[in-house]
Amino acid sequence: MDTRKLEALLTAVELGSFTRAAEVLGYTQSGLTHMMNSLEKDCCCRAGRWAATFPKTSWPPCWG
């Protein structure tokens, strides 16, 4: 697994936005979306959907 994908996910969670995370990390939003899709395949879960709803949930839905 590529640690850049995890860094991007954590940045998106911290900032509450994939667009802002892409700007901070120097990626396009499309590039970050592709990274999240790849991370989801690596983890067999919906990482992007979890990140987008993180403040509302206490546990990622892909684990339960």
C-alpha atoms as a PDB file:
ATOM      1  CA  MET A   1       0.000   0.000   0.000  1.00  0.00           C
ATOM      2  CA  ASP A   2       1.232   3.453  -0.908  1.00  0.00           C
ATOM      3  CA  THR A   3       1.556   5.727   2.125  1.00  0.00           C
ATOM      4  CA  ARG A   4       0.773   8.780  -0.051  1.00  0.00           C
ATOM      5  CA  LYS A   5      -2.781   7.495  -0.333  1.00  0.00           C
ATOM      6  CA  LEU A   6      -3.115   7.283   3.437  1.00  0.00           C
ATOM      7  CA  GLU A   7      -1.608  10.738   3.849  1.00  0.00           C
ATOM      8  CA  ALA A   8      -4.118  12.098   1.341  1.00  0.00           C
ATOM      9  CA  LEU A   9      -7.011  10.436   3.174  1.00  0.00           C
ATOM     10  CA  LEU A  10      -5.884  11.788   6.543  1.00  0.00           C
ATOM     11  CA  THR A  11      -5.432  15.266   5.089  1.00  0.00           C
ATOM     12  CA  ALA A  12      -8.940  15.150   3.603  1.00  0.00           C
ATOM     13  CA  VAL A  13     -10.359  14.113   6.970  1.00  0.00           C
ATOM     14  CA  GLU A  14      -8.447  16.846   8.804  1.00  0.00           C
ATOM     15  CA  LEU A  15      -9.476  19.546   6.343  1.00  0.00           C
ATOM     16  CA  GLY A  16     -12.978  18.213   5.770  1.00  0.00           C
ATOM     17  CA  SER A  17     -12.626  18.507   2.002  1.00  0.00           C
ATOM     18  CA  PHE A  18     -11.047  16.539  -0.815  1.00  0.00           C
ATOM     19  CA  THR A  19     -10.654  19.745  -2.815  1.00  0.00           C
ATOM     20  CA  ARG A  20      -8.707  21.494  -0.049  1.00  0.00           C
ATOM     21  CA  ALA A  21      -6.646  18.371   0.608  1.00  0.00           C
ATOM     22  CA  ALA A  22      -5.713  18.208  -3.083  1.00  0.00           C
ATOM     23  CA  GLU A  23      -4.647  21.866  -3.023  1.00  0.00           C
ATOM     24  CA  VAL A  24      -2.547  21.431   0.127  1.00  0.00           C
ATOM     25  CA  LEU A  25      -0.874  18.267  -1.159  1.00  0.00           C
ATOM     26  CA  GLY A  26      -0.274  19.632  -4.656  1.00  0.00           C
ATOM     27  CA  TYR A  27      -2.638  17.289  -6.513  1.00  0.00           C
ATOM     28  CA  THR A  28      -5.588  18.007  -8.753  1.00  0.00           C
ATOM     29  CA  GLN A  29      -8.947  17.039  -7.302  1.00  0.00           C
ATOM     30  CA  SER A  30      -9.235  14.432 -10.041  1.00  0.00           C
ATOM     31  CA  GLY A  31      -5.841  13.009  -9.101  1.00  0.00           C
ATOM     32  CA  LEU A  32      -6.830  12.794  -5.448  1.00  0.00           C
ATOM     33  CA  THR A  33     -10.089  11.095  -6.394  1.00  0.00           C
ATOM     34  CA  HIS A  34      -8.132   8.481  -8.349  1.00  0.00           C
ATOM     35  CA  MET A  35      -5.889   7.953  -5.316  1.00  0.00           C
ATOM     36  CA  MET A  36      -8.924   7.421  -3.071  1.00  0.00           C
ATOM     37  CA  ASN A  37     -10.451   4.972  -5.565  1.00  0.00           C
ATOM     38  CA  SER A  38      -7.184   3.055  -5.571  1.00  0.00           C
ATOM     39  CA  LEU A  39      -7.022   3.108  -1.765  1.00  0.00           C
ATOM     40  CA  GLU A  40     -10.558   1.737  -1.603  1.00  0.00           C
ATOM     41  CA  LYS A  41      -9.525  -1.149  -3.852  1.00  0.00           C
ATOM     42  CA  ASP A  42      -6.401  -1.770  -1.750  1.00  0.00           C
ATOM     43  CA  CYS A  43      -8.433  -1.835   1.486  1.00  0.00           C
ATOM     44  CA  CYS A  44     -11.610  -3.398   0.093  1.00  0.00           C
ATOM     45  CA  CYS A  45     -13.630  -0.593   1.676  1.00  0.00           C
ATOM     46  CA  ARG A  46     -15.111   2.806   0.917  1.00  0.00           C
ATOM     47  CA  ALA A  47     -12.387   5.080   2.291  1.00  0.00           C
ATOM     48  CA  GLY A  48     -13.582   8.151   0.440  1.00  0.00           C
ATOM     49  CA  ARG A  49     -17.148   7.866   1.640  1.00  0.00           C
ATOM     50  CA  TRP A  50     -15.927   7.378   5.189  1.00  0.00           C
ATOM     51  CA  ALA A  51     -13.677  10.445   4.960  1.00  0.00           C
ATOM     52  CA  ALA A  52     -16.515  12.557   3.625  1.00  0.00           C
ATOM     53  CA  THR A  53     -18.754  11.622   6.563  1.00  0.00           C
ATOM     54  CA  PHE A  54     -16.071  11.336   9.248  1.00  0.00           C
ATOM     55  CA  PRO A  55     -17.360  14.104  11.529  1.00  0.00           C
ATOM     56  CA  LYS A  56     -20.769  12.388  11.616  1.00  0.00           C
ATOM     57  CA  THR A  57     -19.567   8.846  12.313  1.00  0.00           C
ATOM     58  CA  SER A  58     -17.429   7.306  14.988  1.00  0.00           C
ATOM     59  CA  TRP A  59     -16.503   4.199  13.016  1.00  0.00           C
ATOM     60  CA  PRO A  60     -15.833   3.752   9.304  1.00  0.00           C
ATOM     61  CA  PRO A  61     -18.772   1.953   7.666  1.00  0.00           C
ATOM     62  CA  CYS A  62     -16.409  -0.229   5.672  1.00  0.00           C
ATOM     63  CA  TRP A  63     -15.319  -1.992   8.895  1.00  0.00           C
ATOM     64  CA  GLY A  64     -18.746  -2.849  10.203  1.00  0.00           C
END
